[in-house]
Every structure is written in C-alpha cells, then in structure tokens.
C-alpha cells in the first residue's frame, strides 16, 4: 500500500472544503450564503498592513523560534492580560496556530482528550501523529464544555499517564464560553493532564474579559493563538505557542520539529506582528466585537424556536443550532439538503465530534462586508436591526431562508 494507514482515510479539512465548494457554486452562477467557513470579515488594521509593506523587502531567514522582539511582545501581551510570567524563551512563533498544534501532536507521546464539540482539525491531527484519543461528552447546559463527571468517566478508561486535553473558549463551533475553568483546572492538576488552551477567539469574547485556564493552572497549560481571528489576518499565517517553564522539554522538541519542517515564519509578517502585539488596538477590537455580537444575536433571535435549539453567542463568530426533527438520519444529509434547496452552506455536527443522528450544525455569521460595517460602527451607538439589514444583507437573507426551511421541514 502506497499510503500509511493513518493517512489513507483522511479527508480535506471540512472548513476548507466547504469554502472551496461555496466558491465553486458561486462561480457556477448559484446564489450561496457562506455560513460554512469561519473567517474574520474585517480588514486588518491599516498600521499593521503598512508595517508589512514597509518590510516587504526583508528576505532574510528569521530565527526558527521567532524574532526575539516578537516573542517579547507576545509574552508581554499575555502577561498583561493573564498576570503570568512568560518570557521570550517560552514563546514559539509558527505559521498559524494550526501548524503549532500539529507540531504539538507530533511531539507529544500520550492520549488526546477532546470535548464534544471540538474544532474539525484536532482529531485528524491526533490521527496523523498516531496518538490515541478519547471524546469527552458535554451538554448544552454546560455550554458544550466538559465537567468533572464527564472527564472522570473518560479517565477511567485510560492507562497512559500522559494526557493532553484541548480546550477552546470561546468555542468553535458553539460560540460559547467556558464557565467552569476552575473545576477543569482542579481535575487536570490532580490527574496531571496537560491543557492546550486554544485562545484564537479569546480576544473576541463579547463580555470583554480575557479569561484563560492558564490563570488557574499555569504550570500545566500551553496557550496557542495568532492573528487570524481578532486581527483578520488569517491568510498571513502567523500563530504562536506559549509554554510553561515546566514543559520546556516539550517546547524544545517542537522547536526542533519546526526547524525540520517550515524553518521559520516569513520575516515581514513577523515584523508586522510586533506592531499587532505591541500597540493598542482596543478600539478596533471593541468595534469588531460590537458588530459580531449584534449580528450573532440577530441570527440567534431569528432562528431560535420550538424546532431549533440554540445557545446565545458569547464570542467569536459561530452559533451551533440543533434542528429538533426526526426527518433526517444524519446532520450531513440535512446540511446537504439545506445547501441544495436554499443555497445556505453550513457544516454538519459530525465534523465536530457529534453522532451522525444529532441534527446539529455550525453556522458562521460572517458573510458580510466587514470594512463597510466597521466604517459605520462607533463605540457609543448601538447596532440595530436596520444596520444589520443594510450592512449584512447576506446574513439576513441566509437566516430567513433557514428559518423558512425549518418551518417547512
């Protein structure tokens, strides 16, 4: 067999696949509402873009671990928000947080613990790295995060002493915040579980509080984040990992893996990222969060019903509705039917760990022109329904099409 067994059954990442399919359907002349792919709709702040332009001629290789000034600025930023004591040596700069997590999977020797729901790439990366994994059950009333009982239930099945749990708050796909970090931290400490805290959406928490499990369990928590969500720079591919000093051995080996794979993140983007992490972009963040919260709550209020169960969004740009019906045998078939009949692209819950029969799906409410919307938003005025109808017409259309479809089915 030409392919390795752990690779042969892998498919293209669901988020990237739905984005490509949506583009193909649009190119073929079909009206598509892009609720499937999660990408920031907002422009990158101009000063950060200008820094990139000014350094476009910088062609030298950067240090594999990342430019020292960038690592210092990331450490300073984290310490300010979390009251911790990271320094430059604790930081690894990577080509996106996705690559960072992949290298962690490769280096880690143990069992991966994944709450249901988890981002689509956590599980495939574990499989590629030949790590065993276990799903942890969650419930809507717990905002889709694990509790003490569900974690202990899984721990009873595991003999390997090395365990890594991935947490993501605000969560992709649910858009909800973890409210029981303390409970999870206590059980993680007791059982020596390493936590990978995926904080790529944490800057987009609607309550404006940057909360991390690292504040309760600093010695065992690795933080990953980057520029793709709060800064709108997904295509720039810049992320990082921040390690507690007790996990230096793991950090050092990830540096080695990076040196043998991507060598270094491109220098111009790193120099622009120094600006992003060193300067004050609070006004930009406040405005973007204000828009996302208003649009998310609009979708929530229009879709919730006795046929659609849904939690109110608390951060990021996702909702995770559930269609309370027995008409469809799987969320995949339901989402395909919705795309065919309405032109609304969604991601089925099976991609995030749910059973096929659970008619749950992820909705990304970012199909609007973020530049125009940002231009009219102010810190003082509330965003009303008329604003959303004017600046996010595709979202309004998509929600109406979905609501009508649910009523008919």
Protein backbone atom coordinates (compact mmCIF):
# COMPACT_ATOMS: atom_id res chain seq x y z
CA UNK A 1 0.00 0.00 0.00
CA UNK A 2 1.42 3.36 -1.03
CA UNK A 3 -0.20 5.35 1.79
CA UNK A 4 0.26 4.89 5.52
CA UNK A 5 -2.87 3.51 7.20
CA UNK A 6 -3.29 6.53 9.46
CA UNK A 7 -3.29 8.82 6.41
CA UNK A 8 -5.33 6.83 3.89
CA UNK A 9 -8.76 7.59 5.39
CA UNK A 10 -8.22 11.33 5.95
CA UNK A 11 -10.29 13.84 4.01
CA UNK A 12 -9.71 17.51 3.25
CA UNK A 13 -10.40 19.72 6.27
CA UNK A 14 -14.17 20.28 6.37
CA UNK A 15 -13.87 24.04 6.82
CA UNK A 16 -11.59 24.45 3.82
CA UNK A 17 -13.68 22.03 1.76
CA UNK A 18 -16.95 23.93 2.34
CA UNK A 19 -15.19 27.19 1.46
CA UNK A 20 -13.96 25.74 -1.84
CA UNK A 21 -17.37 24.22 -2.61
CA UNK A 22 -19.10 27.53 -1.91
CA UNK A 23 -16.70 29.33 -4.27
CA UNK A 24 -17.32 26.75 -7.00
CA UNK A 25 -21.09 27.07 -6.69
CA UNK A 26 -20.86 30.87 -6.80
CA UNK A 27 -18.61 30.68 -9.88
CA UNK A 28 -21.24 28.45 -11.50
CA UNK A 29 -23.82 31.21 -11.01
CA UNK A 30 -25.64 29.95 -7.90
CA UNK A 31 -26.50 32.31 -5.06
CA UNK A 32 -24.75 30.95 -1.95
CA UNK A 33 -24.87 32.26 1.61
CA UNK A 34 -21.49 31.35 3.10
CA UNK A 35 -22.30 30.22 6.64
CA UNK A 36 -19.87 27.30 6.39
CA UNK A 37 -16.41 28.87 6.56
CA UNK A 38 -15.21 30.79 9.63
CA UNK A 39 -13.14 33.77 8.55
CA UNK A 40 -12.98 37.26 10.01
CA UNK A 41 -14.85 39.66 7.72
CA UNK A 42 -12.93 42.69 8.98
CA UNK A 43 -9.92 44.41 7.39
CA UNK A 44 -6.53 44.17 9.09
CA UNK A 45 -5.75 47.45 10.90
CA UNK A 46 -4.01 49.78 8.43
CA UNK A 47 -0.95 50.46 10.56
CA UNK A 48 -0.22 46.73 10.75
CA UNK A 49 -0.63 46.43 6.97
CA UNK A 50 1.69 49.40 6.46
CA UNK A 51 4.33 47.78 8.65
CA UNK A 52 4.15 44.69 6.45
CA UNK A 53 4.51 46.84 3.32
CA UNK A 54 7.48 48.71 4.76
CA UNK A 55 9.26 45.43 5.43
CA UNK A 56 8.32 43.53 2.27
CA UNK A 57 11.95 43.59 1.10
CA UNK A 58 13.19 41.82 4.23
CA UNK A 59 14.15 38.42 2.83
CA UNK A 60 16.47 37.02 5.49
CA UNK A 61 15.56 33.92 7.47
CA UNK A 62 14.27 34.70 10.93
CA UNK A 63 15.28 32.56 13.93
CA UNK A 64 13.28 29.32 13.91
CA UNK A 65 11.68 30.11 17.28
CA UNK A 66 10.68 33.55 16.02
CA UNK A 67 12.09 37.07 16.10
CA UNK A 68 13.17 37.97 19.62
CA UNK A 69 11.25 41.25 19.62
CA UNK A 70 8.08 39.47 18.53
CA UNK A 71 8.43 36.80 21.19
CA UNK A 72 8.98 39.53 23.77
CA UNK A 73 5.89 41.42 22.62
CA UNK A 74 3.72 38.28 22.72
CA UNK A 75 4.98 37.40 26.21
CA UNK A 76 4.36 40.94 27.44
CA UNK A 77 0.85 40.94 25.96
CA UNK A 78 -0.04 37.62 27.61
CA UNK A 79 1.40 38.68 30.97
CA UNK A 80 -0.60 41.89 30.90
CA UNK A 81 -3.86 40.05 30.24
CA UNK A 82 -3.27 36.99 32.43
CA UNK A 83 -0.95 38.26 35.19
CA UNK A 84 1.54 35.46 34.44
CA UNK A 85 5.29 35.44 33.89
CA UNK A 86 6.02 34.29 30.34
CA UNK A 87 9.28 35.45 28.80
CA UNK A 88 10.60 35.33 25.24
CA UNK A 89 12.09 31.85 25.64
CA UNK A 90 8.64 30.43 26.43
CA UNK A 91 7.22 31.51 23.05
CA UNK A 92 7.41 29.74 19.66
CA UNK A 93 6.23 31.68 16.60
CA UNK A 94 4.64 29.43 13.98
CA UNK A 95 2.98 29.72 10.53
CA UNK A 96 -0.50 29.82 12.02
CA UNK A 97 -1.76 28.27 15.26
CA UNK A 98 -2.93 25.23 13.27
CA UNK A 99 0.68 24.32 12.45
CA UNK A 100 1.62 24.97 16.06
CA UNK A 101 -0.95 22.47 17.29
CA UNK A 102 0.09 19.94 14.67
CA UNK A 103 3.71 20.03 15.89
CA UNK A 104 2.48 19.62 19.45
CA UNK A 105 0.56 16.50 18.39
CA UNK A 106 3.72 15.16 16.73
CA UNK A 107 5.93 15.78 19.74
CA UNK A 108 3.51 14.64 22.44
CA UNK A 109 3.57 11.00 23.46
CA UNK A 110 0.26 10.19 25.07
CA UNK A 111 -3.53 10.33 24.83
CA UNK A 112 -5.51 13.26 23.43
CA UNK A 113 -8.76 14.24 25.20
CA UNK A 114 -11.28 16.05 23.02
CA UNK A 115 -14.51 17.61 24.32
CA UNK A 116 -17.57 17.29 22.08
CA UNK A 117 -17.65 19.73 20.32
CA UNK A 118 -14.10 20.24 19.07
CA UNK A 119 -12.68 22.11 16.08
CA UNK A 120 -12.51 19.99 12.96
CA UNK A 121 -8.69 19.62 12.84
CA UNK A 122 -7.98 18.47 16.41
CA UNK A 123 -8.91 14.85 15.72
CA UNK A 124 -7.25 14.46 12.28
CA UNK A 125 -4.03 15.90 13.67
CA UNK A 126 -4.10 13.38 16.51
CA UNK A 127 -4.59 10.59 13.97
CA UNK A 128 -1.73 11.79 11.79
CA UNK A 129 0.54 11.86 14.85
CA UNK A 130 -0.60 8.31 15.82
CA UNK A 131 -1.90 9.49 19.18
CA UNK A 132 -4.83 7.69 20.73
CA UNK A 133 -7.79 9.89 21.54
CA UNK A 134 -10.98 9.91 23.60
CA UNK A 135 -14.09 12.03 23.21
CA UNK A 136 -15.45 13.71 26.36
CA UNK A 137 -19.22 14.10 26.50
CA UNK A 138 -20.62 17.59 27.04
CA UNK A 139 -24.08 19.15 27.29
CA UNK A 140 -25.76 22.31 26.07
CA UNK A 141 -26.44 23.43 29.65
CA UNK A 142 -22.67 23.36 30.28
CA UNK A 143 -22.02 25.47 27.16
CA UNK A 144 -20.62 22.32 25.49
CA UNK A 145 -17.63 22.12 27.85
CA UNK A 146 -16.68 19.07 29.95
CA UNK A 147 -17.41 18.80 33.65
CA UNK A 148 -15.83 16.77 36.43
CA UNK A 149 -18.10 13.79 35.89
CA UNK A 150 -17.56 13.53 32.14
CA UNK A 151 -13.79 13.89 32.48
CA UNK A 152 -13.57 11.26 35.23
CA UNK A 153 -15.65 8.88 33.13
CA UNK A 154 -13.04 9.04 30.37
CA UNK A 155 -10.07 8.92 32.72
CA UNK A 156 -11.21 5.52 34.00
CA UNK A 157 -10.60 4.11 30.51
CA UNK A 158 -7.07 5.48 30.16
CA UNK A 159 -3.94 3.72 31.35
CA UNK A 160 -1.38 6.02 29.75
CA UNK A 161 -0.10 8.52 32.29
CA UNK A 162 0.49 11.20 29.61
CA UNK A 163 -2.72 13.03 28.76
CA UNK A 164 -3.39 16.24 26.83
CA UNK A 165 -6.81 17.93 26.76
CA UNK A 166 -7.65 20.63 24.21
CA UNK A 167 -9.93 23.47 25.31
CA UNK A 168 -11.17 26.29 23.09
CA UNK A 169 -13.05 29.25 24.61
CA UNK A 170 -14.91 30.99 23.01
CA UNK A 171 -15.57 27.70 21.33
CA UNK A 172 -15.51 26.80 17.67
CA UNK A 173 -18.17 25.61 16.75
CA UNK A 174 -20.56 26.70 19.50
CA UNK A 175 -19.61 30.34 20.09
CA UNK A 176 -19.91 29.72 23.85
CA UNK A 177 -17.55 30.49 26.74
CA UNK A 178 -16.26 28.01 29.29
CA UNK A 179 -17.82 28.82 32.68
CA UNK A 180 -16.16 26.04 34.71
CA UNK A 181 -12.42 26.58 34.23
CA UNK A 182 -11.92 26.14 37.98
CA UNK A 183 -13.47 22.66 38.00
CA UNK A 184 -11.49 21.57 34.95
CA UNK A 185 -8.25 23.01 36.34
CA UNK A 186 -8.65 21.12 39.60
CA UNK A 187 -9.16 17.77 37.90
CA UNK A 188 -6.34 18.49 35.44
CA UNK A 189 -3.91 19.21 38.30
CA UNK A 190 -4.98 16.11 40.19
CA UNK A 191 -4.52 13.84 37.17
CA UNK A 192 -1.52 15.67 35.67
CA UNK A 193 -3.37 16.44 32.43
CA UNK A 194 -1.62 18.91 30.17
CA UNK A 195 -4.01 21.51 28.76
CA UNK A 196 -3.70 23.04 25.31
CA UNK A 197 -5.73 26.22 25.63
CA UNK A 198 -6.65 27.27 22.10
CA UNK A 199 -7.25 31.00 22.61
CA UNK A 200 -7.55 32.04 18.99
CA UNK A 201 -11.03 33.52 19.68
CA UNK A 202 -10.47 34.75 23.24
CA UNK A 203 -9.83 38.34 22.11
CA UNK A 204 -13.35 38.17 20.63
CA UNK A 205 -15.17 37.42 23.90
CA UNK A 206 -18.23 39.66 23.90
CA UNK A 207 -18.01 40.35 27.65
CA UNK A 208 -14.56 41.92 27.06
CA UNK A 209 -12.93 39.66 29.64
CA UNK A 210 -9.86 37.68 28.57
CA UNK A 211 -10.17 34.50 30.65
CA UNK A 212 -7.84 31.54 30.38
CA UNK A 213 -7.48 28.29 32.27
CA UNK A 214 -3.77 29.18 32.47
CA UNK A 215 -4.69 31.65 35.23
CA UNK A 216 -5.75 28.69 37.39
CA UNK A 217 -3.32 26.06 36.12
CA UNK A 218 -0.26 27.93 34.78
CA UNK A 219 2.20 25.07 35.29
CA UNK A 220 0.29 22.68 33.03
CA UNK A 221 -1.27 24.92 30.36
CA UNK A 222 0.09 25.61 26.89
CA UNK A 223 -1.52 28.58 25.11
CA UNK A 224 -1.98 28.79 21.35
CA UNK A 225 -3.21 31.81 19.45
CA UNK A 226 -2.42 34.04 16.49
CA UNK A 227 -3.50 36.87 14.21
CA UNK A 228 -6.20 35.15 12.17
CA UNK A 229 -9.33 35.99 14.18
CA UNK A 230 -9.06 39.22 16.19
CA UNK A 231 -6.78 40.84 13.60
CA UNK A 232 -8.44 39.45 10.48
CA UNK A 233 -5.09 38.18 9.17
CA UNK A 234 -5.90 34.51 8.59
CA UNK A 235 -4.06 34.35 5.28
CA UNK A 236 -0.90 35.79 6.78
CA UNK A 237 -0.42 32.56 8.73
CA UNK A 238 1.12 33.70 11.99
CA UNK A 239 0.47 31.96 15.28
CA UNK A 240 2.30 31.04 18.45
CA UNK A 241 2.58 28.64 21.34
CA UNK A 242 3.33 29.82 24.89
CA UNK A 243 4.76 27.17 27.23
CA UNK A 244 5.00 27.00 31.00
CA UNK A 245 8.59 26.51 32.10
CA UNK A 246 7.82 23.03 33.46
CA UNK A 247 7.16 21.88 29.90
CA UNK A 248 10.47 23.16 28.49
CA UNK A 249 11.43 19.71 27.17
CA UNK A 250 8.28 19.58 25.05
CA UNK A 251 8.82 23.15 23.83
CA UNK A 252 12.42 22.47 22.84
CA UNK A 253 11.44 19.47 20.72
CA UNK A 254 8.76 21.46 18.93
CA UNK A 255 11.47 23.97 18.03
CA UNK A 256 13.43 21.07 16.55
CA UNK A 257 10.39 19.86 14.58
CA UNK A 258 9.87 23.37 13.22
CA UNK A 259 13.48 23.56 12.13
CA UNK A 260 12.99 20.39 10.08
CA UNK A 261 9.67 21.41 8.51
CA UNK A 262 8.87 25.10 7.89
CA UNK A 263 12.29 26.51 9.00
CA UNK A 264 10.88 29.90 10.07
CA UNK A 265 7.85 32.16 9.68
CA UNK A 266 8.41 34.79 6.97
CA UNK A 267 10.20 37.86 8.30
CA UNK A 268 7.89 40.66 7.00
CA UNK A 269 4.84 39.13 8.69
CA UNK A 270 6.73 38.72 11.96
CA UNK A 271 7.74 42.38 11.90
CA UNK A 272 4.12 43.38 11.28
CA UNK A 273 3.05 41.12 14.16
CA UNK A 274 5.34 43.04 16.53
CA UNK A 275 3.15 46.05 15.79
CA UNK A 276 -0.01 43.97 16.34
CA UNK A 277 1.07 42.72 19.76
CA UNK A 278 2.88 45.85 20.96
CA UNK A 279 0.45 48.64 20.14
CA UNK A 280 -3.05 49.46 21.33
CA UNK A 281 -5.83 48.11 19.09
CA UNK A 282 -8.55 48.14 21.74
CA UNK A 283 -10.79 50.49 19.74
CA UNK A 284 -10.63 48.19 16.72
CA UNK A 285 -11.38 45.14 18.89
CA UNK A 286 -14.29 46.87 20.64
CA UNK A 287 -15.90 47.81 17.33
CA UNK A 288 -15.46 44.39 15.73
CA UNK A 289 -16.83 42.63 18.81
CA UNK A 290 -19.77 45.02 18.93
CA UNK A 291 -20.66 44.13 15.34
CA UNK A 292 -20.15 40.39 15.83
CA UNK A 293 -22.26 40.38 18.98
CA UNK A 294 -25.10 42.28 17.28
CA UNK A 295 -25.07 40.07 14.18
CA UNK A 296 -24.77 36.89 16.25
CA UNK A 297 -27.69 37.84 18.47
CA UNK A 298 -29.74 38.77 15.39
CA UNK A 299 -29.21 35.26 13.98
CA UNK A 300 -29.90 33.70 17.37
CA UNK A 301 -33.18 35.58 17.84
CA UNK A 302 -34.39 34.82 14.30
CA UNK A 303 -33.61 31.09 14.43
CA UNK A 304 -34.49 30.01 17.98
CA UNK A 305 -37.86 28.30 18.13
CA UNK A 306 -39.60 25.20 19.41
CA UNK A 307 -37.98 23.40 16.43
CA UNK A 308 -34.46 24.87 16.72
CA UNK A 309 -32.49 24.66 19.95
CA UNK A 310 -29.62 27.11 20.19
CA UNK A 311 -27.40 28.83 22.78
CA UNK A 312 -26.88 32.59 22.70
CA UNK A 313 -23.46 33.52 21.20
CA UNK A 314 -20.82 34.74 23.66
CA UNK A 315 -17.76 35.23 21.47
CA UNK A 316 -16.16 34.59 18.10
CA UNK A 317 -18.45 34.26 15.09
CA UNK A 318 -20.28 30.96 15.42
CA UNK A 319 -23.58 29.52 16.51
CA UNK A 320 -24.42 25.84 16.87
CA UNK A 321 -28.15 25.29 16.30
CA UNK A 322 -29.86 21.90 16.57
CA UNK A 323 -32.88 21.01 14.45
CA UNK A 324 -35.33 19.08 16.61
CA UNK A 325 -36.62 16.70 13.97
CA UNK A 326 -36.52 13.01 13.08
CA UNK A 327 -36.88 13.59 9.37
CA UNK A 328 -33.17 13.23 8.58
CA UNK A 329 -30.88 10.36 9.53
CA UNK A 330 -27.73 12.45 9.74
CA UNK A 331 -26.57 16.05 10.05
CA UNK A 332 -24.55 15.56 6.84
CA UNK A 333 -27.66 14.69 4.82
CA UNK A 334 -29.56 17.56 6.40
CA UNK A 335 -26.83 20.13 5.58
CA UNK A 336 -26.57 18.84 2.01
CA UNK A 337 -30.33 19.17 1.64
CA UNK A 338 -30.25 22.71 3.01
CA UNK A 339 -27.47 23.68 0.59
CA UNK A 340 -29.30 22.17 -2.39
CA UNK A 341 -32.69 23.71 -1.57
CA UNK A 342 -31.73 27.10 -0.12
CA UNK A 343 -28.13 27.84 -1.13
CA UNK A 344 -27.09 28.20 2.54
CA UNK A 345 -23.76 26.48 3.27
CA UNK A 346 -23.34 25.00 6.78
CA UNK A 347 -21.06 22.48 8.49
CA UNK A 348 -22.62 19.32 9.98
CA UNK A 349 -22.08 18.44 13.63
CA UNK A 350 -20.33 15.17 12.79
CA UNK A 351 -17.27 17.23 11.84
CA UNK A 352 -17.05 18.38 15.46
CA UNK A 353 -17.49 15.05 17.22
CA UNK A 354 -21.27 14.65 17.43
CA UNK A 355 -23.07 11.48 16.43
CA UNK A 356 -24.48 11.46 12.91
CA UNK A 357 -28.06 11.26 14.15
CA UNK A 358 -27.80 14.50 16.11
CA UNK A 359 -29.08 17.20 13.74
CA UNK A 360 -26.68 19.86 14.92
CA UNK A 361 -24.60 22.14 12.75
CA UNK A 362 -22.22 25.09 12.83
CA UNK A 363 -23.25 28.46 11.43
CA UNK A 364 -20.62 31.14 10.84
CA UNK A 365 -22.36 34.53 10.67
CA UNK A 366 -19.54 36.34 8.82
CA UNK A 367 -20.91 36.61 5.28
CA UNK A 368 -20.85 40.42 5.19
CA UNK A 369 -18.52 43.26 4.19
CA UNK A 370 -16.67 43.94 7.43
CA UNK A 371 -14.91 47.01 6.05
CA UNK A 372 -18.20 48.82 5.32
CA UNK A 373 -19.78 47.71 8.60
CA UNK A 374 -16.74 48.78 10.59
CA UNK A 375 -16.80 52.17 8.91
CA UNK A 376 -20.24 52.99 10.30
CA UNK A 377 -19.80 51.45 13.75
CA UNK A 378 -19.00 53.67 16.70
CA UNK A 379 -18.22 52.95 20.32
CA UNK A 380 -21.27 54.86 21.50
CA UNK A 381 -24.21 53.90 19.30
CA UNK A 382 -25.91 50.53 19.48
CA UNK A 383 -26.21 48.47 16.32
CA UNK A 384 -29.86 47.89 15.48
CA UNK A 385 -31.70 45.58 13.11
CA UNK A 386 -31.79 48.23 10.40
CA UNK A 387 -27.97 48.42 10.49
CA UNK A 388 -27.72 44.66 10.10
CA UNK A 389 -30.18 44.70 7.19
CA UNK A 390 -28.08 47.39 5.48
CA UNK A 391 -24.57 46.13 6.18
CA UNK A 392 -25.10 42.36 6.46
CA UNK A 393 -27.78 41.59 3.83
CA UNK A 394 -26.43 38.10 3.10
CA UNK A 395 -26.75 37.19 6.77
CA UNK A 396 -30.33 38.48 6.81
CA UNK A 397 -31.13 36.51 3.66
CA UNK A 398 -29.47 33.32 4.92
CA UNK A 399 -31.29 33.42 8.24
CA UNK A 400 -34.65 33.95 6.54
CA UNK A 401 -34.00 31.05 4.15
CA UNK A 402 -33.04 28.81 7.07
CA UNK A 403 -35.97 29.83 9.26
CA UNK A 404 -38.43 29.20 6.41
CA UNK A 405 -36.80 25.84 5.63
CA UNK A 406 -37.06 24.69 9.26
CA UNK A 407 -40.76 25.64 9.33
CA UNK A 408 -41.43 23.58 6.20
CA UNK A 409 -39.46 20.55 7.34
